[in-house]
Amino acid sequence: GGMLLASGGADWEVNLWDPQRAEIGPVKRLSGHSYAVRCVAFEEVDAGGAGMLLASGSDDETVRLWDPRAKGGGKVKTLQCGSPVLCCCWGTG
């Protein structure tokens, strides 16, 4: 696969875009948040980008983890944060 761009918005969805074909609209929509999506962050989970996770944070007080290459978006996990999520990023532990 090529590069993906993720965006979140007030429509409660995460949109995945092909930057080379953005004019046709999102290639996939990930639904599950119940308020605005404030942040998104990709993380490679194996060499070469064949596996990746996407984190999305929302005013619904959750961070959701997705497998963006899976059919239907592949929601992996929901983390309850206790307050609106304004930013998220990956790092090493």
N, C-alpha and C. Protein backbone atom coordinates (compact mmCIF):
# COMPACT_ATOMS: atom_id res chain seq x y z
N GLY A 1 0.80 -1.19 0.00
CA GLY A 1 0.00 0.00 0.00
C GLY A 1 0.84 1.25 0.00
N GLY A 2 0.21 2.35 -0.38
CA GLY A 2 0.88 3.64 -0.38
C GLY A 2 0.74 4.35 0.94
N MET A 3 1.05 5.61 0.93
CA MET A 3 0.93 6.43 2.14
C MET A 3 -0.53 6.70 2.46
N LEU A 4 -0.82 6.81 3.74
CA LEU A 4 -2.14 7.20 4.21
C LEU A 4 -2.01 8.47 5.04
N LEU A 5 -3.00 9.33 4.91
CA LEU A 5 -3.14 10.50 5.76
C LEU A 5 -4.41 10.31 6.56
N ALA A 6 -4.35 10.59 7.85
CA ALA A 6 -5.54 10.48 8.71
C ALA A 6 -5.95 11.87 9.17
N SER A 7 -7.26 12.10 9.23
CA SER A 7 -7.78 13.35 9.77
C SER A 7 -8.96 13.03 10.66
N GLY A 8 -9.15 13.86 11.67
CA GLY A 8 -10.31 13.73 12.55
C GLY A 8 -11.11 15.01 12.48
N GLY A 9 -12.37 14.94 12.87
CA GLY A 9 -13.17 16.14 12.78
C GLY A 9 -14.37 16.16 13.70
N ALA A 10 -15.14 17.24 13.56
CA ALA A 10 -16.33 17.44 14.38
C ALA A 10 -17.45 16.47 14.03
N ASP A 11 -17.31 15.72 12.92
CA ASP A 11 -18.33 14.75 12.53
C ASP A 11 -18.17 13.42 13.25
N TRP A 12 -17.22 13.34 14.22
CA TRP A 12 -16.98 12.18 15.06
C TRP A 12 -16.24 11.06 14.34
N GLU A 13 -15.80 11.27 13.12
CA GLU A 13 -15.16 10.22 12.33
C GLU A 13 -13.68 10.51 12.11
N VAL A 14 -12.95 9.42 11.88
CA VAL A 14 -11.58 9.50 11.41
C VAL A 14 -11.62 9.18 9.93
N ASN A 15 -11.07 10.05 9.11
CA ASN A 15 -11.01 9.82 7.67
C ASN A 15 -9.60 9.44 7.27
N LEU A 16 -9.49 8.42 6.42
CA LEU A 16 -8.20 8.01 5.86
C LEU A 16 -8.17 8.43 4.40
N TRP A 17 -7.08 9.08 4.01
CA TRP A 17 -6.94 9.66 2.69
C TRP A 17 -5.74 9.08 1.98
N ASP A 18 -5.83 8.96 0.67
CA ASP A 18 -4.68 8.73 -0.19
C ASP A 18 -4.26 10.10 -0.69
N PRO A 19 -3.12 10.63 -0.22
CA PRO A 19 -2.74 12.00 -0.61
C PRO A 19 -2.61 12.19 -2.13
N GLN A 20 -2.35 11.13 -2.86
CA GLN A 20 -2.24 11.24 -4.31
C GLN A 20 -3.60 11.38 -4.98
N ARG A 21 -4.67 11.04 -4.26
CA ARG A 21 -6.01 11.07 -4.84
C ARG A 21 -7.01 11.72 -3.90
N ALA A 22 -6.57 12.72 -3.16
CA ALA A 22 -7.41 13.35 -2.14
C ALA A 22 -8.68 13.98 -2.72
N GLU A 23 -8.63 14.37 -3.97
CA GLU A 23 -9.79 15.03 -4.57
C GLU A 23 -11.01 14.12 -4.66
N ILE A 24 -10.82 12.80 -4.59
CA ILE A 24 -11.98 11.89 -4.64
C ILE A 24 -12.60 11.65 -3.27
N GLY A 25 -11.99 12.22 -2.22
CA GLY A 25 -12.51 12.06 -0.87
C GLY A 25 -11.78 10.95 -0.13
N PRO A 26 -12.17 10.71 1.11
CA PRO A 26 -11.50 9.69 1.92
C PRO A 26 -11.64 8.30 1.31
N VAL A 27 -10.60 7.49 1.48
CA VAL A 27 -10.66 6.11 1.01
C VAL A 27 -11.33 5.21 2.04
N LYS A 28 -11.38 5.68 3.30
CA LYS A 28 -12.02 4.91 4.37
C LYS A 28 -12.43 5.86 5.48
N ARG A 29 -13.57 5.54 6.11
CA ARG A 29 -14.04 6.29 7.28
C ARG A 29 -14.10 5.33 8.46
N LEU A 30 -13.52 5.75 9.57
CA LEU A 30 -13.53 4.94 10.78
C LEU A 30 -14.50 5.57 11.77
N SER A 31 -15.52 4.83 12.13
CA SER A 31 -16.57 5.33 13.03
C SER A 31 -16.48 4.63 14.37
N GLY A 32 -16.83 5.36 15.42
CA GLY A 32 -16.84 4.77 16.75
C GLY A 32 -16.81 5.81 17.84
N HIS A 33 -16.23 6.98 17.56
CA HIS A 33 -16.23 8.04 18.57
C HIS A 33 -17.63 8.65 18.67
N SER A 34 -17.91 9.23 19.84
CA SER A 34 -19.24 9.82 20.04
C SER A 34 -19.18 11.34 20.22
N TYR A 35 -18.03 11.93 19.99
CA TYR A 35 -17.85 13.39 19.94
C TYR A 35 -16.70 13.68 18.99
N ALA A 36 -16.34 14.93 18.85
CA ALA A 36 -15.31 15.35 17.91
C ALA A 36 -13.99 14.62 18.13
N VAL A 37 -13.33 14.30 17.02
CA VAL A 37 -12.01 13.68 17.05
C VAL A 37 -10.97 14.80 16.98
N ARG A 38 -10.13 14.91 18.00
CA ARG A 38 -9.19 16.02 18.13
C ARG A 38 -7.78 15.70 17.63
N CYS A 39 -7.40 14.41 17.62
CA CYS A 39 -6.02 14.09 17.25
C CYS A 39 -5.94 12.68 16.67
N VAL A 40 -4.95 12.48 15.84
CA VAL A 40 -4.67 11.17 15.25
C VAL A 40 -3.15 10.99 15.19
N ALA A 41 -2.70 9.74 15.31
CA ALA A 41 -1.26 9.46 15.24
C ALA A 41 -1.04 8.03 14.76
N PHE A 42 -0.19 7.87 13.74
CA PHE A 42 0.17 6.55 13.22
C PHE A 42 1.40 6.01 13.93
N GLU A 43 1.50 4.68 13.99
CA GLU A 43 2.69 4.00 14.50
C GLU A 43 2.91 2.72 13.72
N GLU A 44 4.10 2.54 13.16
CA GLU A 44 4.45 1.27 12.51
C GLU A 44 4.67 0.22 13.58
N VAL A 45 4.12 -0.97 13.37
CA VAL A 45 4.31 -2.05 14.35
C VAL A 45 5.21 -3.15 13.83
N ASP A 46 5.70 -3.02 12.60
CA ASP A 46 6.74 -3.90 12.09
C ASP A 46 7.50 -3.19 10.98
N ALA A 47 8.65 -3.72 10.65
CA ALA A 47 9.50 -3.08 9.66
C ALA A 47 8.81 -3.01 8.30
N GLY A 48 9.03 -1.95 7.60
CA GLY A 48 8.52 -1.80 6.25
C GLY A 48 7.10 -1.28 6.15
N GLY A 49 6.46 -0.99 7.27
CA GLY A 49 5.13 -0.40 7.23
C GLY A 49 4.00 -1.35 6.88
N ALA A 50 4.29 -2.68 6.86
CA ALA A 50 3.24 -3.63 6.51
C ALA A 50 2.18 -3.71 7.61
N GLY A 51 2.57 -3.40 8.83
CA GLY A 51 1.63 -3.37 9.94
C GLY A 51 1.69 -2.01 10.60
N MET A 52 0.54 -1.47 10.93
CA MET A 52 0.53 -0.17 11.59
C MET A 52 -0.71 -0.07 12.46
N LEU A 53 -0.62 0.80 13.45
CA LEU A 53 -1.76 1.15 14.28
C LEU A 53 -1.99 2.65 14.14
N LEU A 54 -3.23 3.03 14.31
CA LEU A 54 -3.62 4.44 14.31
C LEU A 54 -4.33 4.71 15.63
N ALA A 55 -3.89 5.74 16.33
CA ALA A 55 -4.58 6.18 17.54
C ALA A 55 -5.39 7.42 17.20
N SER A 56 -6.60 7.49 17.74
CA SER A 56 -7.43 8.69 17.58
C SER A 56 -7.96 9.09 18.95
N GLY A 57 -7.85 10.38 19.26
CA GLY A 57 -8.33 10.90 20.53
C GLY A 57 -9.51 11.82 20.32
N SER A 58 -10.42 11.82 21.29
CA SER A 58 -11.69 12.51 21.08
C SER A 58 -12.20 13.21 22.33
N ASP A 59 -13.14 14.14 22.10
CA ASP A 59 -13.87 14.77 23.20
C ASP A 59 -14.74 13.76 23.95
N ASP A 60 -14.92 12.55 23.41
CA ASP A 60 -15.70 11.52 24.11
C ASP A 60 -14.89 10.83 25.22
N GLU A 61 -13.70 11.37 25.52
CA GLU A 61 -12.85 10.90 26.61
C GLU A 61 -12.21 9.54 26.33
N THR A 62 -12.04 9.21 25.04
CA THR A 62 -11.40 7.95 24.69
C THR A 62 -10.27 8.16 23.69
N VAL A 63 -9.32 7.23 23.73
CA VAL A 63 -8.38 7.03 22.64
C VAL A 63 -8.75 5.68 22.05
N ARG A 64 -8.97 5.65 20.76
CA ARG A 64 -9.28 4.39 20.07
C ARG A 64 -8.08 4.00 19.22
N LEU A 65 -7.77 2.72 19.25
CA LEU A 65 -6.69 2.18 18.43
C LEU A 65 -7.32 1.41 17.28
N TRP A 66 -6.79 1.62 16.09
CA TRP A 66 -7.32 1.04 14.86
C TRP A 66 -6.20 0.36 14.08
N ASP A 67 -6.55 -0.66 13.33
CA ASP A 67 -5.67 -1.20 12.29
C ASP A 67 -6.20 -0.62 10.99
N PRO A 68 -5.62 0.47 10.49
CA PRO A 68 -6.22 1.18 9.36
C PRO A 68 -6.22 0.38 8.05
N ARG A 69 -5.42 -0.67 7.96
CA ARG A 69 -5.38 -1.47 6.73
C ARG A 69 -6.38 -2.62 6.75
N ALA A 70 -6.98 -2.89 7.89
CA ALA A 70 -7.96 -3.97 7.99
C ALA A 70 -9.28 -3.55 7.35
N LYS A 71 -10.00 -4.51 6.85
CA LYS A 71 -11.31 -4.24 6.26
C LYS A 71 -12.21 -3.63 7.33
N GLY A 72 -12.86 -2.55 7.01
CA GLY A 72 -13.76 -1.89 7.97
C GLY A 72 -13.04 -1.07 9.02
N GLY A 73 -11.71 -0.97 8.94
CA GLY A 73 -10.98 -0.13 9.88
C GLY A 73 -10.38 -0.88 11.04
N GLY A 74 -10.90 -2.04 11.37
CA GLY A 74 -10.28 -2.89 12.36
C GLY A 74 -10.04 -2.25 13.71
N LYS A 75 -11.10 -1.80 14.40
CA LYS A 75 -10.91 -1.22 15.72
C LYS A 75 -10.27 -2.26 16.63
N VAL A 76 -9.17 -1.90 17.26
CA VAL A 76 -8.40 -2.83 18.07
C VAL A 76 -8.75 -2.71 19.54
N LYS A 77 -8.82 -1.48 20.04
CA LYS A 77 -9.01 -1.27 21.48
C LYS A 77 -9.52 0.13 21.73
N THR A 78 -10.26 0.30 22.83
CA THR A 78 -10.69 1.61 23.29
C THR A 78 -10.14 1.85 24.69
N LEU A 79 -9.46 2.97 24.86
CA LEU A 79 -8.89 3.35 26.14
C LEU A 79 -9.73 4.47 26.75
N GLN A 80 -10.24 4.26 27.96
CA GLN A 80 -11.04 5.26 28.65
C GLN A 80 -10.10 6.21 29.38
N CYS A 81 -10.17 7.50 29.08
CA CYS A 81 -9.21 8.47 29.60
C CYS A 81 -9.75 9.35 30.72
N GLY A 82 -11.06 9.49 30.86
CA GLY A 82 -11.64 10.26 31.95
C GLY A 82 -11.78 11.75 31.70
N SER A 83 -11.28 12.24 30.59
CA SER A 83 -11.48 13.63 30.19
C SER A 83 -11.24 13.73 28.69
N PRO A 84 -11.71 14.80 28.05
CA PRO A 84 -11.51 14.92 26.61
C PRO A 84 -10.04 14.81 26.24
N VAL A 85 -9.75 14.12 25.14
CA VAL A 85 -8.38 13.89 24.69
C VAL A 85 -8.06 14.95 23.63
N LEU A 86 -7.04 15.76 23.90
CA LEU A 86 -6.68 16.86 23.01
C LEU A 86 -5.48 16.55 22.14
N CYS A 87 -4.63 15.61 22.55
CA CYS A 87 -3.50 15.23 21.71
C CYS A 87 -3.06 13.82 22.07
N CYS A 88 -2.40 13.17 21.14
CA CYS A 88 -1.85 11.84 21.38
C CYS A 88 -0.66 11.65 20.47
N CYS A 89 0.32 10.89 20.94
CA CYS A 89 1.49 10.56 20.13
C CYS A 89 2.07 9.25 20.64
N TRP A 90 2.81 8.59 19.80
CA TRP A 90 3.45 7.33 20.15
C TRP A 90 4.88 7.60 20.61
N GLY A 91 5.41 6.72 21.44
CA GLY A 91 6.79 6.80 21.88
C GLY A 91 7.25 5.43 22.35
N THR A 92 8.50 5.32 22.65
CA THR A 92 9.02 4.05 23.16
C THR A 92 8.93 4.03 24.67
N GLY A 93 8.70 2.85 25.23
CA GLY A 93 8.52 2.72 26.67
C GLY A 93 9.76 2.26 27.32
